């Protein structure tokens, strides 16, 4: 149900939902192959940590945002600097997180090119 609410919020912000995953195997497959501009990852996906998915997305140098009821405390040390939305979050918080993640990714790409 939360997944559907977040998807609705993304659409309301004018973005397109490229894909959704309700289990770790599907999420990992999408992380490795799907085309997207930014991913929103629930730290705890049906009782499993999302870290392998975050790692796969990091290897592709694509931005992602964690969503967690644990807030920043739910992140592992490896992803300590990754942006995190505290659940529940509202539309404006989601919009800010998406904008920050995409700007940060563009700045990182510019530094690598220059």
Protein backbone atom coordinates (compact mmCIF):
# COMPACT_ATOMS: atom_id res chain seq x y z
CA UNK A 1 0.00 0.00 0.00
CA UNK A 2 2.85 2.38 0.82
CA UNK A 3 4.45 1.50 -2.52
CA UNK A 4 1.28 2.59 -4.33
CA UNK A 5 1.11 5.85 -2.35
CA UNK A 6 4.71 6.70 -3.21
CA UNK A 7 4.09 5.88 -6.88
CA UNK A 8 1.06 8.19 -6.84
CA UNK A 9 3.17 10.96 -5.27
CA UNK A 10 5.84 10.55 -7.95
CA UNK A 11 3.24 10.89 -10.69
CA UNK A 12 1.70 13.89 -8.93
CA UNK A 13 5.12 15.55 -9.04
CA UNK A 14 5.17 15.12 -12.81
CA UNK A 15 7.57 12.19 -12.97
CA UNK A 16 7.09 8.72 -14.43
CA UNK A 17 7.43 5.54 -12.42
CA UNK A 18 9.85 3.42 -14.45
CA UNK A 19 9.44 0.25 -12.38
CA UNK A 20 8.42 -1.08 -9.00
CA UNK A 21 9.65 -4.03 -6.97
CA UNK A 22 8.10 -5.66 -3.94
CA UNK A 23 10.91 -8.15 -3.31
CA UNK A 24 14.69 -8.03 -3.20
CA UNK A 25 15.30 -10.27 -6.23
CA UNK A 26 13.20 -8.12 -8.53
CA UNK A 27 14.65 -4.92 -7.07
CA UNK A 28 18.20 -6.18 -7.68
CA UNK A 29 17.38 -7.13 -11.25
CA UNK A 30 15.88 -3.69 -11.90
CA UNK A 31 18.84 -1.98 -10.24
CA UNK A 32 21.17 -3.70 -12.68
CA UNK A 33 19.18 -3.24 -15.88
CA UNK A 34 16.34 -0.69 -15.68
CA UNK A 35 16.56 2.80 -17.12
CA UNK A 36 15.73 5.44 -14.51
CA UNK A 37 16.86 8.86 -13.33
CA UNK A 38 16.59 8.27 -9.58
CA UNK A 39 15.54 5.33 -7.41
CA UNK A 40 13.64 5.42 -4.14
CA UNK A 41 14.63 2.48 -1.97
CA UNK A 42 12.89 1.35 1.19
CA UNK A 43 15.70 0.25 3.51
CA UNK A 44 13.63 -2.72 4.68
CA UNK A 45 11.94 -4.44 1.75
CA UNK A 46 9.67 -7.16 3.15
CA UNK A 47 12.13 -7.95 5.93
CA UNK A 48 15.26 -7.81 3.77
CA UNK A 49 17.89 -5.09 3.74
CA UNK A 50 18.06 -3.14 0.48
CA UNK A 51 21.85 -2.70 0.60
CA UNK A 52 22.64 -5.03 -2.36
CA UNK A 53 20.28 -2.97 -4.52
CA UNK A 54 21.86 0.30 -3.38
CA UNK A 55 25.28 -1.17 -4.17
CA UNK A 56 24.18 -2.18 -7.70
CA UNK A 57 22.79 1.30 -8.34
CA UNK A 58 25.98 2.88 -6.98
CA UNK A 59 28.04 0.80 -9.41
CA UNK A 60 25.96 2.29 -12.24
CA UNK A 61 26.61 5.76 -10.78
CA UNK A 62 22.89 6.52 -10.63
CA UNK A 63 21.25 8.47 -7.80
CA UNK A 64 18.99 6.93 -5.20
CA UNK A 65 17.15 7.97 -2.07
CA UNK A 66 16.52 5.76 0.92
CA UNK A 67 13.10 5.78 2.56
CA UNK A 68 12.91 4.44 6.08
CA UNK A 69 10.85 4.46 9.22
CA UNK A 70 14.21 4.33 11.01
CA UNK A 71 15.37 7.56 9.37
CA UNK A 72 19.09 8.07 8.95
CA UNK A 73 19.80 5.54 11.71
CA UNK A 74 18.64 2.75 9.38
CA UNK A 75 21.50 3.22 6.92
CA UNK A 76 24.64 1.12 7.04
CA UNK A 77 28.05 2.77 7.26
CA UNK A 78 28.65 2.19 3.52
CA UNK A 79 25.71 4.46 2.67
CA UNK A 80 26.06 6.95 5.52
CA UNK A 81 26.11 9.90 3.07
CA UNK A 82 23.11 8.75 1.03
CA UNK A 83 19.97 10.90 1.25
CA UNK A 84 17.22 9.46 3.41
CA UNK A 85 13.54 10.30 3.70
CA UNK A 86 12.01 9.64 7.10
CA UNK A 87 8.72 7.78 6.71
CA UNK A 88 6.07 8.97 6.66
CA UNK A 89 7.05 11.78 4.30
CA UNK A 90 4.95 14.26 2.40
CA UNK A 91 4.89 15.40 -1.23
CA UNK A 92 7.16 18.40 -0.72
CA UNK A 93 9.76 16.33 1.15
CA UNK A 94 9.76 13.80 -1.68
CA UNK A 95 10.11 16.57 -4.28
CA UNK A 96 13.06 18.08 -2.39
CA UNK A 97 14.78 14.71 -2.09
CA UNK A 98 14.36 13.92 -5.80
CA UNK A 99 15.67 17.33 -6.79
CA UNK A 100 18.66 17.08 -4.43
CA UNK A 101 19.54 13.57 -5.63
CA UNK A 102 19.38 14.48 -9.30
CA UNK A 103 21.33 17.73 -8.85
CA UNK A 104 23.99 15.91 -6.88
CA UNK A 105 24.26 13.25 -9.59
CA UNK A 106 24.59 15.88 -12.33
CA UNK A 107 27.29 17.72 -10.37
CA UNK A 108 29.18 14.46 -9.86
CA UNK A 109 29.00 13.71 -13.58
CA UNK A 110 30.24 17.22 -14.42
CA UNK A 111 33.24 16.79 -12.13
CA UNK A 112 34.16 13.49 -13.80
CA UNK A 113 33.89 15.03 -17.28
CA UNK A 114 35.95 18.07 -16.37
